[in-house]
Amino acid sequence: MPLVYLAATDGSLELQLASILRQIKCVYQISLIWIKSDF
């Protein structure tokens, strides 16, 4: 995601960051489950 796009949509920047953090947390939890199932 380009910085220019983020600057153009400054009002919804917090919402975008929140959704990105949520996705990262989901991926992190899924990868933890995969690691546990591998062992």
PDB file of N, CA and C in Angstrom:
ATOM      1  N   MET A   1       0.848  -1.200   0.000  1.00  0.00           N
ATOM      2  CA  MET A   1       0.000   0.000   0.000  1.00  0.00           C
ATOM      3  C   MET A   1       0.883   1.249   0.000  1.00  0.00           C
ATOM      4  N   PRO A   2       0.782   2.065  -1.026  1.00  0.00           N
ATOM      5  CA  PRO A   2       1.658   3.243  -1.130  1.00  0.00           C
ATOM      6  C   PRO A   2       1.377   4.257  -0.034  1.00  0.00           C
ATOM      7  N   LEU A   3       2.404   4.995   0.342  1.00  0.00           N
ATOM      8  CA  LEU A   3       2.237   6.031   1.362  1.00  0.00           C
ATOM      9  C   LEU A   3       1.349   7.160   0.854  1.00  0.00           C
ATOM     10  N   VAL A   4       1.381   7.402  -0.452  1.00  0.00           N
ATOM     11  CA  VAL A   4       0.551   8.472  -1.020  1.00  0.00           C
ATOM     12  C   VAL A   4      -0.918   8.152  -0.792  1.00  0.00           C
ATOM     13  N   TYR A   5      -1.275   6.876  -0.943  1.00  0.00           N
ATOM     14  CA  TYR A   5      -2.664   6.467  -0.728  1.00  0.00           C
ATOM     15  C   TYR A   5      -3.053   6.668   0.728  1.00  0.00           C
ATOM     16  N   LEU A   6      -2.144   6.324   1.633  1.00  0.00           N
ATOM     17  CA  LEU A   6      -2.424   6.509   3.057  1.00  0.00           C
ATOM     18  C   LEU A   6      -2.606   7.985   3.378  1.00  0.00           C
ATOM     19  N   ALA A   7      -1.787   8.838   2.783  1.00  0.00           N
ATOM     20  CA  ALA A   7      -1.890  10.269   3.049  1.00  0.00           C
ATOM     21  C   ALA A   7      -3.192  10.830   2.482  1.00  0.00           C
ATOM     22  N   ALA A   8      -3.646  10.277   1.354  1.00  0.00           N
ATOM     23  CA  ALA A   8      -4.879  10.771   0.739  1.00  0.00           C
ATOM     24  C   ALA A   8      -6.095  10.377   1.565  1.00  0.00           C
ATOM     25  N   THR A   9      -6.009   9.255   2.270  1.00  0.00           N
ATOM     26  CA  THR A   9      -7.142   8.790   3.076  1.00  0.00           C
ATOM     27  C   THR A   9      -6.769   8.880   4.545  1.00  0.00           C
ATOM     28  N   ASP A  10      -6.377  10.078   4.967  1.00  0.00           N
ATOM     29  CA  ASP A  10      -5.891  10.264   6.332  1.00  0.00           C
ATOM     30  C   ASP A  10      -6.991  10.019   7.352  1.00  0.00           C
ATOM     31  N   GLY A  11      -8.258  10.288   6.986  1.00  0.00           N
ATOM     32  CA  GLY A  11      -9.352  10.142   7.941  1.00  0.00           C
ATOM     33  C   GLY A  11      -9.545   8.701   8.381  1.00  0.00           C
ATOM     34  N   SER A  12      -9.361   7.764   7.454  1.00  0.00           N
ATOM     35  CA  SER A  12      -9.600   6.361   7.786  1.00  0.00           C
ATOM     36  C   SER A  12      -8.297   5.624   8.073  1.00  0.00           C
ATOM     37  N   LEU A  13      -7.236   6.378   8.355  1.00  0.00           N
ATOM     38  CA  LEU A  13      -5.934   5.750   8.587  1.00  0.00           C
ATOM     39  C   LEU A  13      -5.983   4.851   9.813  1.00  0.00           C
ATOM     40  N   GLU A  14      -6.639   5.317  10.869  1.00  0.00           N
ATOM     41  CA  GLU A  14      -6.713   4.511  12.090  1.00  0.00           C
ATOM     42  C   GLU A  14      -7.476   3.220  11.841  1.00  0.00           C
ATOM     43  N   LEU A  15      -8.549   3.307  11.048  1.00  0.00           N
ATOM     44  CA  LEU A  15      -9.320   2.101  10.738  1.00  0.00           C
ATOM     45  C   LEU A  15      -8.468   1.122   9.938  1.00  0.00           C
ATOM     46  N   GLN A  16      -7.682   1.638   8.999  1.00  0.00           N
ATOM     47  CA  GLN A  16      -6.816   0.770   8.199  1.00  0.00           C
ATOM     48  C   GLN A  16      -5.777   0.089   9.081  1.00  0.00           C
ATOM     49  N   LEU A  17      -5.169   0.857   9.988  1.00  0.00           N
ATOM     50  CA  LEU A  17      -4.171   0.272  10.883  1.00  0.00           C
ATOM     51  C   LEU A  17      -4.803  -0.793  11.766  1.00  0.00           C
ATOM     52  N   ALA A  18      -6.019  -0.533  12.240  1.00  0.00           N
ATOM     53  CA  ALA A  18      -6.701  -1.501  13.101  1.00  0.00           C
ATOM     54  C   ALA A  18      -6.963  -2.797  12.344  1.00  0.00           C
ATOM     55  N   SER A  19      -7.412  -2.695  11.097  1.00  0.00           N
ATOM     56  CA  SER A  19      -7.692  -3.905  10.325  1.00  0.00           C
ATOM     57  C   SER A  19      -6.398  -4.650  10.008  1.00  0.00           C
ATOM     58  N   ILE A  20      -5.326  -3.910   9.723  1.00  0.00           N
ATOM     59  CA  ILE A  20      -4.034  -4.552   9.447  1.00  0.00           C
ATOM     60  C   ILE A  20      -3.543  -5.295  10.685  1.00  0.00           C
ATOM     61  N   LEU A  21      -3.655  -4.660  11.856  1.00  0.00           N
ATOM     62  CA  LEU A  21      -3.230  -5.315  13.092  1.00  0.00           C
ATOM     63  C   LEU A  21      -4.064  -6.560  13.349  1.00  0.00           C
ATOM     64  N   ARG A  22      -5.374  -6.471  13.054  1.00  0.00           N
ATOM     65  CA  ARG A  22      -6.252  -7.618  13.261  1.00  0.00           C
ATOM     66  C   ARG A  22      -5.828  -8.777  12.360  1.00  0.00           C
ATOM     67  N   GLN A  23      -5.497  -8.473  11.095  1.00  0.00           N
ATOM     68  CA  GLN A  23      -5.074  -9.522  10.170  1.00  0.00           C
ATOM     69  C   GLN A  23      -3.756 -10.141  10.625  1.00  0.00           C
ATOM     70  N   ILE A  24      -2.823  -9.309  11.087  1.00  0.00           N
ATOM     71  CA  ILE A  24      -1.537  -9.826  11.558  1.00  0.00           C
ATOM     72  C   ILE A  24      -1.754 -10.749  12.749  1.00  0.00           C
ATOM     73  N   LYS A  25      -2.655 -10.360  13.658  1.00  0.00           N
ATOM     74  CA  LYS A  25      -2.923 -11.184  14.835  1.00  0.00           C
ATOM     75  C   LYS A  25      -3.522 -12.526  14.419  1.00  0.00           C
ATOM     76  N   CYS A  26      -4.428 -12.498  13.430  1.00  0.00           N
ATOM     77  CA  CYS A  26      -5.039 -13.744  12.955  1.00  0.00           C
ATOM     78  C   CYS A  26      -3.977 -14.663  12.358  1.00  0.00           C
ATOM     79  N   VAL A  27      -3.126 -14.108  11.498  1.00  0.00           N
ATOM     80  CA  VAL A  27      -2.074 -14.912  10.869  1.00  0.00           C
ATOM     81  C   VAL A  27      -1.133 -15.471  11.925  1.00  0.00           C
ATOM     82  N   TYR A  28      -0.825 -14.654  12.947  1.00  0.00           N
ATOM     83  CA  TYR A  28       0.077 -15.090  14.011  1.00  0.00           C
ATOM     84  C   TYR A  28      -0.520 -16.266  14.776  1.00  0.00           C
ATOM     85  N   GLN A  29      -1.800 -16.170  15.121  1.00  0.00           N
ATOM     86  CA  GLN A  29      -2.443 -17.253  15.859  1.00  0.00           C
ATOM     87  C   GLN A  29      -2.513 -18.520  15.019  1.00  0.00           C
ATOM     88  N   ILE A  30      -2.831 -18.377  13.722  1.00  0.00           N
ATOM     89  CA  ILE A  30      -2.909 -19.548  12.842  1.00  0.00           C
ATOM     90  C   ILE A  30      -1.539 -20.211  12.723  1.00  0.00           C
ATOM     91  N   SER A  31      -0.480 -19.404  12.593  1.00  0.00           N
ATOM     92  CA  SER A  31       0.860 -19.980  12.476  1.00  0.00           C
ATOM     93  C   SER A  31       1.254 -20.678  13.774  1.00  0.00           C
ATOM     94  N   LEU A  32       0.830 -20.147  14.916  1.00  0.00           N
ATOM     95  CA  LEU A  32       1.102 -20.821  16.188  1.00  0.00           C
ATOM     96  C   LEU A  32       0.428 -22.184  16.219  1.00  0.00           C
ATOM     97  N   ILE A  33      -0.814 -22.251  15.736  1.00  0.00           N
ATOM     98  CA  ILE A  33      -1.530 -23.532  15.711  1.00  0.00           C
ATOM     99  C   ILE A  33      -0.798 -24.510  14.799  1.00  0.00           C
ATOM    100  N   TRP A  34      -0.324 -24.020  13.644  1.00  0.00           N
ATOM    101  CA  TRP A  34       0.401 -24.894  12.728  1.00  0.00           C
ATOM    102  C   TRP A  34       1.679 -25.430  13.381  1.00  0.00           C
ATOM    103  N   ILE A  35       2.407 -24.562  14.074  1.00  0.00           N
ATOM    104  CA  ILE A  35       3.652 -24.990  14.722  1.00  0.00           C
ATOM    105  C   ILE A  35       3.353 -26.051  15.777  1.00  0.00           C
ATOM    106  N   LYS A  36       2.283 -25.833  16.568  1.00  0.00           N
ATOM    107  CA  LYS A  36       1.936 -26.809  17.601  1.00  0.00           C
ATOM    108  C   LYS A  36       1.546 -28.138  16.970  1.00  0.00           C
ATOM    109  N   SER A  37       0.823 -28.107  15.859  1.00  0.00           N
ATOM    110  CA  SER A  37       0.374 -29.350  15.234  1.00  0.00           C
ATOM    111  C   SER A  37       1.543 -30.072  14.561  1.00  0.00           C
ATOM    112  N   ASP A  38       2.565 -29.332  14.140  1.00  0.00           N
ATOM    113  CA  ASP A  38       3.730 -29.961  13.521  1.00  0.00           C
ATOM    114  C   ASP A  38       4.499 -30.791  14.546  1.00  0.00           C
ATOM    115  N   PHE A  39       4.596 -30.283  15.757  1.00  0.00           N
ATOM    116  CA  PHE A  39       5.282 -31.039  16.798  1.00  0.00           C
ATOM    117  C   PHE A  39       4.286 -31.937  17.497  1.00  0.00           C
TER     118      PHE A  39
END
